[in-house]
Amino acid sequence: MSRDDADAGKASVDTSTQGTLFHNPRCSKSRGALELLTERGVTPTIVRYLEQPPQPGELREILRLLGLPARKLLRTGEAEYRELRLDDSSLDEGALIEAMSKHPKLIERPIFVRGDRAVIGRPPERVLELLTPAG
């Protein structure tokens, strides 16, 4: 991982108490997750990831916090998934992460990161899991 990748990961993944929401305002699930958070007084840092795609280092950190392999974060119904032939099981984590960084539509959403935990907000209510202490 380059220094730029590492720095990018640290810059956008807010580990403060409010957290970070990787958000697509055109997505009803993403809007629903944001609404649930704001109703509870949480004002996360909003990352419009389609406009500001996460760097590979940042995606690695998100995957680590989610406890998932890269393949589980892919939106398999997107045209880019087929065009890039990402169903090829021989592709390694690095190749999948690079594809998501270059083609952010491939990233499942919304993702809420708070402290040392993260969830994919599907259904949107999953973001509420991070409002209580881990245990």
C-alpha atoms as a PDB file:
ATOM      1  CA  MET A   1       0.000   0.000   0.000  1.00  0.00           C
ATOM      2  CA  SER A   2       1.346   3.378  -0.939  1.00  0.00           C
ATOM      3  CA  ARG A   3       1.573   6.228   1.520  1.00  0.00           C
ATOM      4  CA  ASP A   4      -1.194   7.978  -0.436  1.00  0.00           C
ATOM      5  CA  ASP A   5      -3.465   4.951   0.028  1.00  0.00           C
ATOM      6  CA  ALA A   6      -2.754   4.822   3.752  1.00  0.00           C
ATOM      7  CA  ASP A   7      -3.276   8.558   4.170  1.00  0.00           C
ATOM      8  CA  ALA A   8      -6.487   8.471   2.142  1.00  0.00           C
ATOM      9  CA  GLY A   9      -7.853   5.706   4.336  1.00  0.00           C
ATOM     10  CA  LYS A  10      -7.147   7.643   7.487  1.00  0.00           C
ATOM     11  CA  ALA A  11      -8.545  10.898   6.133  1.00  0.00           C
ATOM     12  CA  SER A  12     -11.988   9.686   5.132  1.00  0.00           C
ATOM     13  CA  VAL A  13     -12.769   6.939   7.619  1.00  0.00           C
ATOM     14  CA  ASP A  14     -13.854   9.068  10.561  1.00  0.00           C
ATOM     15  CA  THR A  15     -13.514   7.123  13.780  1.00  0.00           C
ATOM     16  CA  SER A  16     -15.075   9.889  15.878  1.00  0.00           C
ATOM     17  CA  THR A  17     -18.202   9.301  17.896  1.00  0.00           C
ATOM     18  CA  GLN A  18     -20.387  10.630  15.068  1.00  0.00           C
ATOM     19  CA  GLY A  19     -18.889   8.346  12.418  1.00  0.00           C
ATOM     20  CA  THR A  20     -18.834   8.376   8.637  1.00  0.00           C
ATOM     21  CA  LEU A  21     -21.599   7.437   6.225  1.00  0.00           C
ATOM     22  CA  PHE A  22     -20.580   6.421   2.713  1.00  0.00           C
ATOM     23  CA  HIS A  23     -23.677   7.805   1.073  1.00  0.00           C
ATOM     24  CA  ASN A  24     -25.442   7.937  -2.271  1.00  0.00           C
ATOM     25  CA  PRO A  25     -28.283  10.464  -1.991  1.00  0.00           C
ATOM     26  CA  ARG A  26     -30.071   8.822  -4.941  1.00  0.00           C
ATOM     27  CA  CYS A  27     -30.313   5.515  -3.046  1.00  0.00           C
ATOM     28  CA  SER A  28     -33.407   5.060  -0.864  1.00  0.00           C
ATOM     29  CA  LYS A  29     -31.531   2.734   1.543  1.00  0.00           C
ATOM     30  CA  SER A  30     -28.787   5.305   1.955  1.00  0.00           C
ATOM     31  CA  ARG A  31     -31.272   8.122   2.542  1.00  0.00           C
ATOM     32  CA  GLY A  32     -33.126   5.929   5.029  1.00  0.00           C
ATOM     33  CA  ALA A  33     -29.938   5.167   6.957  1.00  0.00           C
ATOM     34  CA  LEU A  34     -29.048   8.856   7.158  1.00  0.00           C
ATOM     35  CA  GLU A  35     -32.544   9.697   8.373  1.00  0.00           C
ATOM     36  CA  LEU A  36     -32.372   7.034  11.106  1.00  0.00           C
ATOM     37  CA  LEU A  37     -29.052   8.425  12.310  1.00  0.00           C
ATOM     38  CA  THR A  38     -30.104  12.077  12.306  1.00  0.00           C
ATOM     39  CA  GLU A  39     -33.352  11.233  14.118  1.00  0.00           C
ATOM     40  CA  ARG A  40     -31.151   9.909  16.911  1.00  0.00           C
ATOM     41  CA  GLY A  41     -28.926  12.978  17.053  1.00  0.00           C
ATOM     42  CA  VAL A  42     -26.029  11.462  15.104  1.00  0.00           C
ATOM     43  CA  THR A  43     -24.486  13.760  12.496  1.00  0.00           C
ATOM     44  CA  PRO A  44     -22.040  11.604  10.573  1.00  0.00           C
ATOM     45  CA  THR A  45     -19.444  12.878   8.159  1.00  0.00           C
ATOM     46  CA  ILE A  46     -21.005  12.286   4.744  1.00  0.00           C
ATOM     47  CA  VAL A  47     -18.815  10.838   2.012  1.00  0.00           C
ATOM     48  CA  ARG A  48     -20.508  10.924  -1.363  1.00  0.00           C
ATOM     49  CA  TYR A  49     -18.422   8.032  -2.548  1.00  0.00           C
ATOM     50  CA  LEU A  50     -19.563   8.242  -6.179  1.00  0.00           C
ATOM     51  CA  GLU A  51     -18.080  11.756  -6.343  1.00  0.00           C
ATOM     52  CA  GLN A  52     -15.125  11.007  -4.031  1.00  0.00           C
ATOM     53  CA  PRO A  53     -14.254   7.347  -4.639  1.00  0.00           C
ATOM     54  CA  PRO A  54     -12.389   5.715  -1.767  1.00  0.00           C
ATOM     55  CA  GLN A  55      -8.753   4.890  -2.401  1.00  0.00           C
ATOM     56  CA  PRO A  56      -7.650   1.237  -2.186  1.00  0.00           C
ATOM     57  CA  GLY A  57      -6.161   1.745   1.287  1.00  0.00           C
ATOM     58  CA  GLU A  58      -9.406   3.212   2.539  1.00  0.00           C
ATOM     59  CA  LEU A  59     -11.385   0.296   1.093  1.00  0.00           C
ATOM     60  CA  ARG A  60      -9.036  -2.162   2.803  1.00  0.00           C
ATOM     61  CA  GLU A  61      -9.681  -0.437   6.125  1.00  0.00           C
ATOM     62  CA  ILE A  62     -13.447  -0.467   5.569  1.00  0.00           C
ATOM     63  CA  LEU A  63     -13.332  -4.174   4.699  1.00  0.00           C
ATOM     64  CA  ARG A  64     -11.282  -4.851   7.835  1.00  0.00           C
ATOM     65  CA  LEU A  65     -13.848  -3.035   9.977  1.00  0.00           C
ATOM     66  CA  LEU A  66     -16.704  -4.866   8.246  1.00  0.00           C
ATOM     67  CA  GLY A  67     -14.923  -8.196   8.647  1.00  0.00           C
ATOM     68  CA  LEU A  68     -15.664  -9.026   5.022  1.00  0.00           C
ATOM     69  CA  PRO A  69     -13.696 -10.053   1.947  1.00  0.00           C
ATOM     70  CA  ALA A  70     -13.802  -7.619  -0.978  1.00  0.00           C
ATOM     71  CA  ARG A  71     -16.156  -9.825  -2.997  1.00  0.00           C
ATOM     72  CA  LYS A  72     -18.909  -9.359  -0.370  1.00  0.00           C
ATOM     73  CA  LEU A  73     -18.830  -5.576  -0.878  1.00  0.00           C
ATOM     74  CA  LEU A  74     -19.429  -5.809  -4.635  1.00  0.00           C
ATOM     75  CA  ARG A  75     -22.753  -4.892  -6.221  1.00  0.00           C
ATOM     76  CA  THR A  76     -23.040  -7.790  -8.639  1.00  0.00           C
ATOM     77  CA  GLY A  77     -26.011  -6.347 -10.534  1.00  0.00           C
ATOM     78  CA  GLU A  78     -24.090  -3.354 -11.894  1.00  0.00           C
ATOM     79  CA  ALA A  79     -23.100  -3.271 -15.573  1.00  0.00           C
ATOM     80  CA  GLU A  80     -19.473  -2.653 -14.571  1.00  0.00           C
ATOM     81  CA  TYR A  81     -19.458  -5.960 -12.683  1.00  0.00           C
ATOM     82  CA  ARG A  82     -20.211  -7.835 -15.899  1.00  0.00           C
ATOM     83  CA  GLU A  83     -18.064  -5.619 -18.136  1.00  0.00           C
ATOM     84  CA  LEU A  84     -15.015  -6.048 -15.893  1.00  0.00           C
ATOM     85  CA  ARG A  85     -15.722  -9.782 -15.502  1.00  0.00           C
ATOM     86  CA  LEU A  86     -15.536  -9.525 -11.730  1.00  0.00           C
ATOM     87  CA  ASP A  87     -17.298 -12.865 -11.386  1.00  0.00           C
ATOM     88  CA  ASP A  88     -13.911 -14.453 -12.207  1.00  0.00           C
ATOM     89  CA  SER A  89     -13.075 -16.353  -9.015  1.00  0.00           C
ATOM     90  CA  SER A  90      -9.341 -16.132  -9.777  1.00  0.00           C
ATOM     91  CA  LEU A  91      -9.342 -12.363  -9.105  1.00  0.00           C
ATOM     92  CA  ASP A  92      -7.644 -11.610  -5.798  1.00  0.00           C
ATOM     93  CA  GLU A  93      -8.599  -9.063  -3.128  1.00  0.00           C
ATOM     94  CA  GLY A  94      -6.286  -6.443  -4.613  1.00  0.00           C
ATOM     95  CA  ALA A  95      -7.895  -6.652  -8.053  1.00  0.00           C
ATOM     96  CA  LEU A  96     -11.408  -6.395  -6.606  1.00  0.00           C
ATOM     97  CA  ILE A  97     -10.465  -3.465  -4.360  1.00  0.00           C
ATOM     98  CA  GLU A  98      -8.828  -1.670  -7.284  1.00  0.00           C
ATOM     99  CA  ALA A  99     -11.968  -2.189  -9.393  1.00  0.00           C
ATOM    100  CA  MET A 100     -14.186  -0.750  -6.633  1.00  0.00           C
ATOM    101  CA  SER A 101     -11.897   2.256  -6.232  1.00  0.00           C
ATOM    102  CA  LYS A 102     -11.973   2.989  -9.967  1.00  0.00           C
ATOM    103  CA  HIS A 103     -15.678   2.148 -10.351  1.00  0.00           C
ATOM    104  CA  PRO A 104     -17.382   3.203  -7.090  1.00  0.00           C
ATOM    105  CA  LYS A 105     -20.844   2.188  -8.362  1.00  0.00           C
ATOM    106  CA  LEU A 106     -19.646  -1.342  -7.576  1.00  0.00           C
ATOM    107  CA  ILE A 107     -19.516  -0.610  -3.832  1.00  0.00           C
ATOM    108  CA  GLU A 108     -22.467  -1.775  -1.741  1.00  0.00           C
ATOM    109  CA  ARG A 109     -24.135   1.051   0.138  1.00  0.00           C
ATOM    110  CA  PRO A 110     -24.651   2.652   2.505  1.00  0.00           C
ATOM    111  CA  ILE A 111     -21.673   1.913   4.748  1.00  0.00           C
ATOM    112  CA  PHE A 112     -21.613   3.409   8.230  1.00  0.00           C
ATOM    113  CA  VAL A 113     -18.298   3.490  10.083  1.00  0.00           C
ATOM    114  CA  ARG A 114     -18.136   4.448  13.743  1.00  0.00           C
ATOM    115  CA  GLY A 115     -15.170   3.869  15.994  1.00  0.00           C
ATOM    116  CA  ASP A 116     -13.660   0.491  15.238  1.00  0.00           C
ATOM    117  CA  ARG A 117     -16.822  -0.961  13.698  1.00  0.00           C
ATOM    118  CA  ALA A 118     -18.668  -0.719  10.410  1.00  0.00           C
ATOM    119  CA  VAL A 119     -21.888  -2.048   8.883  1.00  0.00           C
ATOM    120  CA  ILE A 120     -23.526  -2.097   5.491  1.00  0.00           C
ATOM    121  CA  GLY A 121     -26.905  -0.423   5.974  1.00  0.00           C
ATOM    122  CA  ARG A 122     -29.028  -3.089   4.313  1.00  0.00           C
ATOM    123  CA  PRO A 123     -31.577  -2.881   5.658  1.00  0.00           C
ATOM    124  CA  PRO A 124     -31.021   0.734   6.771  1.00  0.00           C
ATOM    125  CA  GLU A 125     -31.767  -0.185  10.409  1.00  0.00           C
ATOM    126  CA  ARG A 126     -28.423  -1.992  10.561  1.00  0.00           C
ATOM    127  CA  VAL A 127     -26.702   1.382  11.080  1.00  0.00           C
ATOM    128  CA  LEU A 128     -28.374   1.538  14.492  1.00  0.00           C
ATOM    129  CA  GLU A 129     -26.211  -1.410  15.618  1.00  0.00           C
ATOM    130  CA  LEU A 130     -23.269   0.996  15.879  1.00  0.00           C
ATOM    131  CA  LEU A 131     -25.096   3.331  18.247  1.00  0.00           C
ATOM    132  CA  THR A 132     -24.740   0.850  21.107  1.00  0.00           C
ATOM    133  CA  PRO A 133     -21.474  -0.369  22.626  1.00  0.00           C
ATOM    134  CA  ALA A 134     -19.978  -3.507  21.121  1.00  0.00           C
ATOM    135  CA  GLY A 135     -20.537  -6.553  23.199  1.00  0.00           C
END
